[in-house]
Amino acid sequence: MSEPEQPTAVAEPTSSTADRVTPETSDQRLLRGARARREIARHAVEVASAEGLNGLSIGRLAGDLGLSKSGIATLFGSKEKVQLAAVASAGEAFVDAVVRPASSAPHGAARVRALTEYWIAYAEAPLFAGGCFWGANLAEFDSHPGPVRDALLRQHGDWLALLARELRYAADTGELAGSDADLVAFQLDAVLKAANIALRCGDDRAGDRIRRVLDGFLTPRA
């Protein structure tokens, strides 16, 4: 791609223009733009959790939020960038709702239980209109390489790594019987995905079933 053509000259601002465009007003515009981006991205999460990231469009968001399509296009530039902003916003909300509160529990089995309990609350409430954001979108993008798939997989990988790290700590300190932490994290994540579907289908026993499965995983060392 060629470099954009540079203007041959730049006119000096008039005194009236300089009076209107100040560092303060420029900062306020940047702040308003950042706030608008956050609000649009958060609504995009709600839509994508129920209808998938492919259900997003600049026109859809503009209609939902009473904004102009050109305004949203100026803020994001493309549908893919809206999707990426939604993925990032969902990740931040999940960390705030599940990961950060659980961090007050001791490392190891107690942290795994805390993460699981906060995840159950996240799915039962639910935090997003359509339930688990990754449950709704990972399957949709698993065979579509690109930046959106990469972002989803990176977040999912971080979650698996967090579970495995705490399970490994529990095994190393003698809390649990020796086990393959990565395998147990994979199994627990699969149970959570199944529970998300059950919850969306109205099964109010899914949370208790998760706890029973977790009890089986967290077997103390004899």
C-alpha atoms as a PDB file:
ATOM      1  CA  MET A   1       0.000   0.000   0.000  1.00  0.00           C
ATOM      2  CA  SER A   2       1.391   3.358  -1.001  1.00  0.00           C
ATOM      3  CA  GLU A   3       1.959   6.149   1.463  1.00  0.00           C
ATOM      4  CA  PRO A   4      -0.764   8.833   1.505  1.00  0.00           C
ATOM      5  CA  GLU A   5       0.109  11.920  -0.489  1.00  0.00           C
ATOM      6  CA  GLN A   6       1.435  14.686   1.725  1.00  0.00           C
ATOM      7  CA  PRO A   7       0.076  18.239   1.361  1.00  0.00           C
ATOM      8  CA  THR A   8       2.520  20.719  -0.078  1.00  0.00           C
ATOM      9  CA  ALA A   9       1.720  23.351   2.508  1.00  0.00           C
ATOM     10  CA  VAL A  10      -0.159  23.686   5.754  1.00  0.00           C
ATOM     11  CA  ALA A  11      -1.957  26.917   6.429  1.00  0.00           C
ATOM     12  CA  GLU A  12      -1.387  28.542   9.779  1.00  0.00           C
ATOM     13  CA  PRO A  13      -4.571  28.621  11.878  1.00  0.00           C
ATOM     14  CA  THR A  14      -6.245  31.935  12.251  1.00  0.00           C
ATOM     15  CA  SER A  15      -6.504  33.418  15.708  1.00  0.00           C
ATOM     16  CA  SER A  16     -10.205  32.526  15.878  1.00  0.00           C
ATOM     17  CA  THR A  17      -9.470  28.898  14.936  1.00  0.00           C
ATOM     18  CA  ALA A  18      -6.677  28.695  17.479  1.00  0.00           C
ATOM     19  CA  ASP A  19      -9.056  30.017  20.115  1.00  0.00           C
ATOM     20  CA  ARG A  20     -11.578  27.298  19.326  1.00  0.00           C
ATOM     21  CA  VAL A  21      -9.169  24.344  19.072  1.00  0.00           C
ATOM     22  CA  THR A  22      -7.253  24.111  22.322  1.00  0.00           C
ATOM     23  CA  PRO A  23      -5.489  21.203  24.033  1.00  0.00           C
ATOM     24  CA  GLU A  24      -8.389  21.075  26.478  1.00  0.00           C
ATOM     25  CA  THR A  25     -11.062  20.753  23.808  1.00  0.00           C
ATOM     26  CA  SER A  26      -8.945  18.217  21.956  1.00  0.00           C
ATOM     27  CA  ASP A  27      -8.606  16.134  25.131  1.00  0.00           C
ATOM     28  CA  GLN A  28     -12.364  16.315  25.705  1.00  0.00           C
ATOM     29  CA  ARG A  29     -12.996  15.035  22.190  1.00  0.00           C
ATOM     30  CA  LEU A  30     -10.588  12.159  22.734  1.00  0.00           C
ATOM     31  CA  LEU A  31     -12.289  11.291  26.002  1.00  0.00           C
ATOM     32  CA  ARG A  32     -15.730  11.397  24.386  1.00  0.00           C
ATOM     33  CA  GLY A  33     -14.487   9.213  21.564  1.00  0.00           C
ATOM     34  CA  ALA A  34     -12.992   6.668  23.964  1.00  0.00           C
ATOM     35  CA  ARG A  35     -16.191   6.606  26.007  1.00  0.00           C
ATOM     36  CA  ALA A  36     -18.290   6.115  22.879  1.00  0.00           C
ATOM     37  CA  ARG A  37     -16.045   3.263  21.753  1.00  0.00           C
ATOM     38  CA  ARG A  38     -16.433   1.526  25.126  1.00  0.00           C
ATOM     39  CA  GLU A  39     -20.216   1.893  25.094  1.00  0.00           C
ATOM     40  CA  ILE A  40     -20.539   0.641  21.532  1.00  0.00           C
ATOM     41  CA  ALA A  41     -18.172  -2.279  22.173  1.00  0.00           C
ATOM     42  CA  ARG A  42     -20.099  -3.288  25.305  1.00  0.00           C
ATOM     43  CA  HIS A  43     -23.372  -3.327  23.379  1.00  0.00           C
ATOM     44  CA  ALA A  44     -21.645  -5.335  20.667  1.00  0.00           C
ATOM     45  CA  VAL A  45     -20.793  -7.934  23.337  1.00  0.00           C
ATOM     46  CA  GLU A  46     -24.474  -8.271  24.236  1.00  0.00           C
ATOM     47  CA  VAL A  47     -25.439  -8.772  20.600  1.00  0.00           C
ATOM     48  CA  ALA A  48     -22.599 -11.214  19.911  1.00  0.00           C
ATOM     49  CA  SER A  49     -23.266 -13.279  23.041  1.00  0.00           C
ATOM     50  CA  ALA A  50     -26.781 -13.984  21.748  1.00  0.00           C
ATOM     51  CA  GLU A  51     -26.334 -13.936  17.971  1.00  0.00           C
ATOM     52  CA  GLY A  52     -22.619 -14.471  17.411  1.00  0.00           C
ATOM     53  CA  LEU A  53     -19.940 -12.053  16.299  1.00  0.00           C
ATOM     54  CA  ASN A  54     -21.014 -12.495  12.693  1.00  0.00           C
ATOM     55  CA  GLY A  55     -24.348 -10.993  13.685  1.00  0.00           C
ATOM     56  CA  LEU A  56     -22.613  -7.686  14.309  1.00  0.00           C
ATOM     57  CA  SER A  57     -22.666  -4.909  11.762  1.00  0.00           C
ATOM     58  CA  ILE A  58     -22.113  -1.194  11.901  1.00  0.00           C
ATOM     59  CA  GLY A  59     -25.683  -0.678  10.688  1.00  0.00           C
ATOM     60  CA  ARG A  60     -27.088  -2.959  13.389  1.00  0.00           C
ATOM     61  CA  LEU A  61     -25.222  -1.162  16.152  1.00  0.00           C
ATOM     62  CA  ALA A  62     -26.192   2.243  14.801  1.00  0.00           C
ATOM     63  CA  GLY A  63     -29.858   1.251  14.761  1.00  0.00           C
ATOM     64  CA  ASP A  64     -29.751  -0.232  18.264  1.00  0.00           C
ATOM     65  CA  LEU A  65     -27.974   2.729  19.811  1.00  0.00           C
ATOM     66  CA  GLY A  66     -29.541   5.552  17.805  1.00  0.00           C
ATOM     67  CA  LEU A  67     -26.195   6.575  16.324  1.00  0.00           C
ATOM     68  CA  SER A  68     -25.108   7.307  12.783  1.00  0.00           C
ATOM     69  CA  LYS A  69     -23.364   4.595  10.787  1.00  0.00           C
ATOM     70  CA  SER A  70     -20.737   7.105   9.721  1.00  0.00           C
ATOM     71  CA  GLY A  71     -19.997   7.945  13.346  1.00  0.00           C
ATOM     72  CA  ILE A  72     -19.445   4.302  14.276  1.00  0.00           C
ATOM     73  CA  ALA A  73     -17.411   3.736  11.121  1.00  0.00           C
ATOM     74  CA  THR A  74     -15.198   6.683  12.064  1.00  0.00           C
ATOM     75  CA  LEU A  75     -14.595   5.222  15.528  1.00  0.00           C
ATOM     76  CA  PHE A  76     -13.861   1.650  14.428  1.00  0.00           C
ATOM     77  CA  GLY A  77     -13.187   1.602  10.701  1.00  0.00           C
ATOM     78  CA  SER A  78     -14.512  -1.868   9.831  1.00  0.00           C
ATOM     79  CA  LYS A  79     -16.757  -4.691  10.980  1.00  0.00           C
ATOM     80  CA  GLU A  80     -13.709  -6.767  11.931  1.00  0.00           C
ATOM     81  CA  LYS A  81     -12.470  -4.012  14.222  1.00  0.00           C
ATOM     82  CA  VAL A  82     -15.909  -3.844  15.845  1.00  0.00           C
ATOM     83  CA  GLN A  83     -15.694  -7.613  16.404  1.00  0.00           C
ATOM     84  CA  LEU A  84     -12.221  -7.299  17.920  1.00  0.00           C
ATOM     85  CA  ALA A  85     -13.411  -4.494  20.192  1.00  0.00           C
ATOM     86  CA  ALA A  86     -16.283  -6.715  21.331  1.00  0.00           C
ATOM     87  CA  VAL A  87     -13.884  -9.580  22.095  1.00  0.00           C
ATOM     88  CA  ALA A  88     -11.662  -7.252  24.121  1.00  0.00           C
ATOM     89  CA  SER A  89     -14.636  -5.783  26.004  1.00  0.00           C
ATOM     90  CA  ALA A  90     -15.981  -9.255  26.820  1.00  0.00           C
ATOM     91  CA  GLY A  91     -12.563 -10.292  28.119  1.00  0.00           C
ATOM     92  CA  GLU A  92     -12.331  -7.273  30.397  1.00  0.00           C
ATOM     93  CA  ALA A  93     -15.839  -7.885  31.764  1.00  0.00           C
ATOM     94  CA  PHE A  94     -15.057 -11.560  32.403  1.00  0.00           C
ATOM     95  CA  VAL A  95     -11.870 -10.710  34.287  1.00  0.00           C
ATOM     96  CA  ASP A  96     -13.796  -8.217  36.427  1.00  0.00           C
ATOM     97  CA  ALA A  97     -16.614 -10.691  37.154  1.00  0.00           C
ATOM     98  CA  VAL A  98     -14.694 -13.969  37.566  1.00  0.00           C
ATOM     99  CA  VAL A  99     -10.901 -13.777  37.621  1.00  0.00           C
ATOM    100  CA  ARG A 100     -10.294 -10.720  39.772  1.00  0.00           C
ATOM    101  CA  PRO A 101     -12.771 -11.618  42.573  1.00  0.00           C
ATOM    102  CA  ALA A 102     -11.389 -15.174  42.738  1.00  0.00           C
ATOM    103  CA  SER A 103      -7.848 -13.861  43.183  1.00  0.00           C
ATOM    104  CA  SER A 104      -8.548 -13.201  46.861  1.00  0.00           C
ATOM    105  CA  ALA A 105      -8.764 -16.977  47.492  1.00  0.00           C
ATOM    106  CA  PRO A 106      -5.532 -18.847  48.346  1.00  0.00           C
ATOM    107  CA  HIS A 107      -3.668 -20.403  45.437  1.00  0.00           C
ATOM    108  CA  GLY A 108      -4.484 -24.013  44.627  1.00  0.00           C
ATOM    109  CA  ALA A 109      -7.722 -25.897  45.200  1.00  0.00           C
ATOM    110  CA  ALA A 110      -9.389 -22.955  46.956  1.00  0.00           C
ATOM    111  CA  ARG A 111      -8.647 -20.700  43.960  1.00  0.00           C
ATOM    112  CA  VAL A 112     -10.047 -23.291  41.531  1.00  0.00           C
ATOM    113  CA  ARG A 113     -13.235 -23.518  43.599  1.00  0.00           C
ATOM    114  CA  ALA A 114     -13.500 -19.731  43.714  1.00  0.00           C
ATOM    115  CA  LEU A 115     -12.998 -19.420  39.954  1.00  0.00           C
ATOM    116  CA  THR A 116     -15.668 -22.059  39.408  1.00  0.00           C
ATOM    117  CA  GLU A 117     -18.148 -20.393  41.762  1.00  0.00           C
ATOM    118  CA  TYR A 118     -17.682 -17.008  40.135  1.00  0.00           C
ATOM    119  CA  TRP A 119     -18.023 -18.646  36.723  1.00  0.00           C
ATOM    120  CA  ILE A 120     -21.325 -20.230  37.806  1.00  0.00           C
ATOM    121  CA  ALA A 121     -22.567 -16.810  38.939  1.00  0.00           C
ATOM    122  CA  TYR A 122     -21.353 -15.299  35.645  1.00  0.00           C
ATOM    123  CA  ALA A 123     -23.359 -17.859  33.660  1.00  0.00           C
ATOM    124  CA  GLU A 124     -26.438 -18.093  35.872  1.00  0.00           C
ATOM    125  CA  ALA A 125     -27.050 -14.328  36.175  1.00  0.00           C
ATOM    126  CA  PRO A 126     -25.951 -14.050  33.269  1.00  0.00           C
ATOM    127  CA  LEU A 127     -23.335 -11.336  32.747  1.00  0.00           C
ATOM    128  CA  PHE A 128     -24.023 -11.280  28.974  1.00  0.00           C
ATOM    129  CA  ALA A 129     -27.457 -11.504  27.385  1.00  0.00           C
ATOM    130  CA  GLY A 130     -26.715 -14.751  25.568  1.00  0.00           C
ATOM    131  CA  GLY A 131     -24.722 -16.468  28.316  1.00  0.00           C
ATOM    132  CA  CYS A 132     -21.045 -17.301  27.958  1.00  0.00           C
ATOM    133  CA  PHE A 133     -19.511 -15.119  25.240  1.00  0.00           C
ATOM    134  CA  TRP A 134     -16.908 -17.742  24.293  1.00  0.00           C
ATOM    135  CA  GLY A 135     -19.459 -20.536  24.270  1.00  0.00           C
ATOM    136  CA  ALA A 136     -21.366 -18.524  21.690  1.00  0.00           C
ATOM    137  CA  ASN A 137     -18.406 -17.589  19.505  1.00  0.00           C
ATOM    138  CA  LEU A 138     -15.525 -20.078  19.678  1.00  0.00           C
ATOM    139  CA  ALA A 139     -17.377 -22.686  17.658  1.00  0.00           C
ATOM    140  CA  GLU A 140     -18.370 -20.048  15.118  1.00  0.00           C
ATOM    141  CA  PHE A 141     -14.763 -19.019  14.466  1.00  0.00           C
ATOM    142  CA  ASP A 142     -12.819 -22.232  15.098  1.00  0.00           C
ATOM    143  CA  SER A 143     -12.460 -22.878  11.364  1.00  0.00           C
ATOM    144  CA  HIS A 144     -12.117 -19.242  10.259  1.00  0.00           C
ATOM    145  CA  PRO A 145      -8.471 -18.138  10.625  1.00  0.00           C
ATOM    146  CA  GLY A 146      -7.884 -14.466  11.201  1.00  0.00           C
ATOM    147  CA  PRO A 147      -7.519 -11.798  13.882  1.00  0.00           C
ATOM    148  CA  VAL A 148     -10.923 -12.449  15.494  1.00  0.00           C
ATOM    149  CA  ARG A 149     -10.259 -16.171  15.849  1.00  0.00           C
ATOM    150  CA  ASP A 150      -6.781 -15.419  17.207  1.00  0.00           C
ATOM    151  CA  ALA A 151      -8.199 -13.053  19.830  1.00  0.00           C
ATOM    152  CA  LEU A 152     -10.840 -15.554  20.950  1.00  0.00           C
ATOM    153  CA  LEU A 153      -8.332 -18.388  21.164  1.00  0.00           C
ATOM    154  CA  ARG A 154      -5.862 -16.243  23.086  1.00  0.00           C
ATOM    155  CA  GLN A 155      -8.478 -15.422  25.710  1.00  0.00           C
ATOM    156  CA  HIS A 156      -9.610 -19.030  25.943  1.00  0.00           C
ATOM    157  CA  GLY A 157      -5.997 -20.157  26.246  1.00  0.00           C
ATOM    158  CA  ASP A 158      -5.447 -17.696  29.094  1.00  0.00           C
ATOM    159  CA  TRP A 159      -8.437 -19.178  30.938  1.00  0.00           C
ATOM    160  CA  LEU A 160      -7.193 -22.753  30.499  1.00  0.00           C
ATOM    161  CA  ALA A 161      -3.706 -21.727  31.593  1.00  0.00           C
ATOM    162  CA  LEU A 162      -5.103 -20.078  34.724  1.00  0.00           C
ATOM    163  CA  LEU A 163      -7.032 -23.216  35.706  1.00  0.00           C
ATOM    164  CA  ALA A 164      -4.040 -25.452  34.975  1.00  0.00           C
ATOM    165  CA  ARG A 165      -1.678 -23.227  36.958  1.00  0.00           C
ATOM    166  CA  GLU A 166      -3.864 -23.413  40.076  1.00  0.00           C
ATOM    167  CA  LEU A 167      -4.410 -27.155  39.691  1.00  0.00           C
ATOM    168  CA  ARG A 168      -0.669 -27.677  39.311  1.00  0.00           C
ATOM    169  CA  TYR A 169      -0.038 -25.614  42.441  1.00  0.00           C
ATOM    170  CA  ALA A 170      -2.550 -27.744  44.352  1.00  0.00           C
ATOM    171  CA  ALA A 171      -0.853 -30.954  43.210  1.00  0.00           C
ATOM    172  CA  ASP A 172       2.652 -29.667  43.950  1.00  0.00           C
ATOM    173  CA  THR A 173       1.720 -28.633  47.483  1.00  0.00           C
ATOM    174  CA  GLY A 174       0.031 -31.935  48.261  1.00  0.00           C
ATOM    175  CA  GLU A 175      -3.552 -30.680  48.244  1.00  0.00           C
ATOM    176  CA  LEU A 176      -4.542 -32.983  45.396  1.00  0.00           C
ATOM    177  CA  ALA A 177      -3.660 -36.412  44.163  1.00  0.00           C
ATOM    178  CA  GLY A 178      -1.117 -36.291  41.354  1.00  0.00           C
ATOM    179  CA  SER A 179      -2.788 -35.508  38.035  1.00  0.00           C
ATOM    180  CA  ASP A 180      -2.226 -33.954  34.652  1.00  0.00           C
ATOM    181  CA  ALA A 181      -3.162 -30.331  35.375  1.00  0.00           C
ATOM    182  CA  ASP A 182      -3.580 -29.421  31.706  1.00  0.00           C
ATOM    183  CA  LEU A 183      -5.902 -32.382  31.148  1.00  0.00           C
ATOM    184  CA  VAL A 184      -8.008 -31.587  34.223  1.00  0.00           C
ATOM    185  CA  ALA A 185      -8.258 -27.934  33.149  1.00  0.00           C
ATOM    186  CA  PHE A 186      -9.428 -29.093  29.716  1.00  0.00           C
ATOM    187  CA  GLN A 187     -12.019 -31.394  31.301  1.00  0.00           C
ATOM    188  CA  LEU A 188     -13.291 -28.745  33.696  1.00  0.00           C
ATOM    189  CA  ASP A 189     -13.595 -26.229  30.874  1.00  0.00           C
ATOM    190  CA  ALA A 190     -15.578 -28.772  28.841  1.00  0.00           C
ATOM    191  CA  VAL A 191     -17.953 -29.237  31.790  1.00  0.00           C
ATOM    192  CA  LEU A 192     -18.414 -25.464  32.047  1.00  0.00           C
ATOM    193  CA  LYS A 193     -19.231 -25.229  28.341  1.00  0.00           C
ATOM    194  CA  ALA A 194     -21.809 -28.009  28.691  1.00  0.00           C
ATOM    195  CA  ALA A 195     -23.276 -26.287  31.742  1.00  0.00           C
ATOM    196  CA  ASN A 196     -23.593 -23.021  29.830  1.00  0.00           C
ATOM    197  CA  ILE A 197     -25.721 -24.769  27.207  1.00  0.00           C
ATOM    198  CA  ALA A 198     -27.799 -26.442  29.931  1.00  0.00           C
ATOM    199  CA  LEU A 199     -28.387 -23.107  31.643  1.00  0.00           C
ATOM    200  CA  ARG A 200     -29.467 -21.490  28.385  1.00  0.00           C
ATOM    201  CA  CYS A 201     -31.936 -24.351  27.955  1.00  0.00           C
ATOM    202  CA  GLY A 202     -33.422 -23.738  31.389  1.00  0.00           C
ATOM    203  CA  ASP A 203     -31.667 -26.436  33.445  1.00  0.00           C
ATOM    204  CA  ASP A 204     -31.361 -24.830  36.875  1.00  0.00           C
ATOM    205  CA  ARG A 205     -29.434 -27.852  38.212  1.00  0.00           C
ATOM    206  CA  ALA A 206     -26.385 -27.172  36.045  1.00  0.00           C
ATOM    207  CA  GLY A 207     -24.543 -25.240  38.760  1.00  0.00           C
ATOM    208  CA  ASP A 208     -24.871 -28.090  41.265  1.00  0.00           C
ATOM    209  CA  ARG A 209     -23.649 -30.557  38.647  1.00  0.00           C
ATOM    210  CA  ILE A 210     -20.552 -28.436  38.048  1.00  0.00           C
ATOM    211  CA  ARG A 211     -19.798 -28.503  41.778  1.00  0.00           C
ATOM    212  CA  ARG A 212     -20.157 -32.284  41.919  1.00  0.00           C
ATOM    213  CA  VAL A 213     -17.808 -32.736  38.967  1.00  0.00           C
ATOM    214  CA  LEU A 214     -15.319 -30.334  40.546  1.00  0.00           C
ATOM    215  CA  ASP A 215     -15.402 -32.315  43.794  1.00  0.00           C
ATOM    216  CA  GLY A 216     -14.332 -35.343  41.781  1.00  0.00           C
ATOM    217  CA  PHE A 217     -11.427 -33.457  40.231  1.00  0.00           C
ATOM    218  CA  LEU A 218     -10.245 -31.992  43.529  1.00  0.00           C
ATOM    219  CA  THR A 219      -9.557 -35.281  45.254  1.00  0.00           C
ATOM    220  CA  PRO A 220      -7.228 -34.744  48.232  1.00  0.00           C
ATOM    221  CA  ARG A 221      -3.971 -36.661  48.249  1.00  0.00           C
ATOM    222  CA  ALA A 222      -4.209 -39.706  50.544  1.00  0.00           C
END
